[in-house]
Every structure is written in structure tokens, then in C-alpha cells.
Amino acid sequence: MIDAKDYIEAVAKYLDELDSSFDKLSHKYEGKISNLPNYAFNNRFITVLKFHNLNYFFVKVVSDKTLDTHKAFTGLVSNNRHYIE
């Protein structure tokens, strides 16, 4: 079974690769890259929640320019009421 921490690692790697690609593109298309959303190069707060007894995960990524590195939170959603709150 895949652990939520594995998802955090995968999401963080994906975001880092995306940032790297944007950086490489910026050398060739400088004027157009300036129109990227402000979250493109910031560190992010990554939340991964696993739904209890299901093989589903909720992933939320929020950009935060005050972070020095990516931060992460994992949790378990045990029932619908927990998810709604």
C-alpha cells in the first residue's frame, strides 16, 4: 500500500521539476514567462490526506513565499464527518 509520505515526496519532486522547467524556459522566453502565476517559484505547503479503508488520497498544494523549503502535512480521514469539518 502507498503511504501518504510517498505522495508528499512525489508531489515535492514534481513541483521542483516544474520550477526547474519554468526556469529553463525563462532563459529563452523571458517576456512570456513573466506572465506566470506568482506561485510558480515559491515553496509550498503540501497536504496529503488518506481516506480510511479506501485507496484514495486528497492532495492540496498551497504556495507560500515565506517558507524556506517545502512543508508537508499528512493525515487520515476516518469518516465523512471528519472530512466535512
C-alpha atoms as a PDB file:
ATOM      1  CA  MET A   1       0.000   0.000   0.000  1.00  0.00           C
ATOM      2  CA  ILE A   2       1.225   3.505  -0.816  1.00  0.00           C
ATOM      3  CA  ASP A   3       1.837   5.737   2.186  1.00  0.00           C
ATOM      4  CA  ALA A   4       0.850   9.414   2.260  1.00  0.00           C
ATOM      5  CA  LYS A   5       4.512  10.312   2.814  1.00  0.00           C
ATOM      6  CA  ASP A   6       5.351   8.711  -0.540  1.00  0.00           C
ATOM      7  CA  TYR A   7       2.822  11.028  -2.155  1.00  0.00           C
ATOM      8  CA  ILE A   8       4.394  14.063  -0.482  1.00  0.00           C
ATOM      9  CA  GLU A   9       7.795  13.079  -1.824  1.00  0.00           C
ATOM     10  CA  ALA A  10       6.386  12.580  -5.323  1.00  0.00           C
ATOM     11  CA  VAL A  11       4.473  15.882  -5.277  1.00  0.00           C
ATOM     12  CA  ALA A  12       7.523  17.787  -4.000  1.00  0.00           C
ATOM     13  CA  LYS A  13       9.716  16.266  -6.747  1.00  0.00           C
ATOM     14  CA  TYR A  14       7.084  17.136  -9.356  1.00  0.00           C
ATOM     15  CA  LEU A  15       6.902  20.750  -8.168  1.00  0.00           C
ATOM     16  CA  ASP A  16      10.692  21.070  -8.138  1.00  0.00           C
ATOM     17  CA  GLU A  17      10.887  19.721 -11.700  1.00  0.00           C
ATOM     18  CA  LEU A  18       8.141  22.131 -12.756  1.00  0.00           C
ATOM     19  CA  ASP A  19      10.068  25.051 -11.245  1.00  0.00           C
ATOM     20  CA  SER A  20      13.226  23.898 -12.997  1.00  0.00           C
ATOM     21  CA  SER A  21      11.398  23.709 -16.325  1.00  0.00           C
ATOM     22  CA  PHE A  22       9.992  27.213 -15.845  1.00  0.00           C
ATOM     23  CA  ASP A  23      13.475  28.446 -15.049  1.00  0.00           C
ATOM     24  CA  LYS A  24      14.915  26.880 -18.222  1.00  0.00           C
ATOM     25  CA  LEU A  25      12.089  28.321 -20.315  1.00  0.00           C
ATOM     26  CA  SER A  26      12.643  31.754 -18.839  1.00  0.00           C
ATOM     27  CA  HIS A  27      16.060  31.931 -20.486  1.00  0.00           C
ATOM     28  CA  LYS A  28      14.501  31.583 -23.935  1.00  0.00           C
ATOM     29  CA  TYR A  29      11.077  33.218 -23.486  1.00  0.00           C
ATOM     30  CA  GLU A  30      11.770  35.855 -20.867  1.00  0.00           C
ATOM     31  CA  GLY A  31       8.886  38.190 -21.723  1.00  0.00           C
ATOM     32  CA  LYS A  32       6.260  35.446 -21.787  1.00  0.00           C
ATOM     33  CA  ILE A  33       7.436  33.733 -18.596  1.00  0.00           C
ATOM     34  CA  SER A  34       6.826  36.925 -16.625  1.00  0.00           C
ATOM     35  CA  ASN A  35       3.090  36.205 -17.008  1.00  0.00           C
ATOM     36  CA  LEU A  36       3.347  33.040 -14.892  1.00  0.00           C
ATOM     37  CA  PRO A  37       1.289  32.974 -11.706  1.00  0.00           C
ATOM     38  CA  ASN A  38       3.121  34.177  -8.608  1.00  0.00           C
ATOM     39  CA  TYR A  39       3.164  30.711  -7.052  1.00  0.00           C
ATOM     40  CA  ALA A  40       5.402  29.231  -9.738  1.00  0.00           C
ATOM     41  CA  PHE A  41       8.711  29.671  -7.916  1.00  0.00           C
ATOM     42  CA  ASN A  42       7.624  29.715  -4.271  1.00  0.00           C
ATOM     43  CA  ASN A  43       7.964  26.890  -1.782  1.00  0.00           C
ATOM     44  CA  ARG A  44       4.700  25.152  -0.988  1.00  0.00           C
ATOM     45  CA  PHE A  45       2.755  23.692   1.896  1.00  0.00           C
ATOM     46  CA  ILE A  46       1.696  20.207   0.777  1.00  0.00           C
ATOM     47  CA  THR A  47      -1.208  18.418   2.452  1.00  0.00           C
ATOM     48  CA  VAL A  48      -1.907  14.746   1.750  1.00  0.00           C
ATOM     49  CA  LEU A  49      -4.865  13.050   3.421  1.00  0.00           C
ATOM     50  CA  LYS A  50      -5.616   9.329   3.107  1.00  0.00           C
ATOM     51  CA  PHE A  51      -9.227   8.207   3.223  1.00  0.00           C
ATOM     52  CA  HIS A  52      -9.610   5.392   5.757  1.00  0.00           C
ATOM     53  CA  ASN A  53     -10.407   1.972   4.209  1.00  0.00           C
ATOM     54  CA  LEU A  54     -10.210   3.427   0.695  1.00  0.00           C
ATOM     55  CA  ASN A  55      -7.367   3.704  -1.731  1.00  0.00           C
ATOM     56  CA  TYR A  56      -7.979   7.435  -2.266  1.00  0.00           C
ATOM     57  CA  PHE A  57      -5.834  10.405  -1.327  1.00  0.00           C
ATOM     58  CA  PHE A  58      -6.599  14.122  -1.140  1.00  0.00           C
ATOM     59  CA  VAL A  59      -3.692  16.324  -2.222  1.00  0.00           C
ATOM     60  CA  LYS A  60      -3.624  20.083  -1.696  1.00  0.00           C
ATOM     61  CA  VAL A  61      -0.714  22.349  -2.561  1.00  0.00           C
ATOM     62  CA  VAL A  62      -0.587  25.968  -1.380  1.00  0.00           C
ATOM     63  CA  SER A  63       2.180  28.349  -2.350  1.00  0.00           C
ATOM     64  CA  ASP A  64       3.819  30.285   0.487  1.00  0.00           C
ATOM     65  CA  LYS A  65       6.647  32.698  -0.262  1.00  0.00           C
ATOM     66  CA  THR A  66       7.623  32.867   3.431  1.00  0.00           C
ATOM     67  CA  LEU A  67       8.721  29.196   3.517  1.00  0.00           C
ATOM     68  CA  ASP A  68      12.403  28.298   3.182  1.00  0.00           C
ATOM     69  CA  THR A  69      11.592  24.771   1.970  1.00  0.00           C
ATOM     70  CA  HIS A  70       8.505  22.755   1.121  1.00  0.00           C
ATOM     71  CA  LYS A  71       6.496  21.884   4.243  1.00  0.00           C
ATOM     72  CA  ALA A  72       4.143  18.930   4.464  1.00  0.00           C
ATOM     73  CA  PHE A  73       1.265  17.562   6.487  1.00  0.00           C
ATOM     74  CA  THR A  74      -0.233  14.086   6.303  1.00  0.00           C
ATOM     75  CA  GLY A  75      -3.400  12.841   7.891  1.00  0.00           C
ATOM     76  CA  LEU A  76      -6.083  10.189   7.856  1.00  0.00           C
ATOM     77  CA  VAL A  77      -9.721  10.932   7.104  1.00  0.00           C
ATOM     78  CA  SER A  78     -11.644   8.399   9.149  1.00  0.00           C
ATOM     79  CA  ASN A  79     -15.231   9.261   8.167  1.00  0.00           C
ATOM     80  CA  ASN A  80     -17.322  11.722   6.159  1.00  0.00           C
ATOM     81  CA  ARG A  81     -17.937  13.978   9.122  1.00  0.00           C
ATOM     82  CA  HIS A  82     -14.196  14.329   9.676  1.00  0.00           C
ATOM     83  CA  TYR A  83     -13.762  15.259   6.001  1.00  0.00           C
ATOM     84  CA  ILE A  84     -16.505  17.925   6.091  1.00  0.00           C
ATOM     85  CA  GLU A  85     -15.108  19.621   9.186  1.00  0.00           C
END
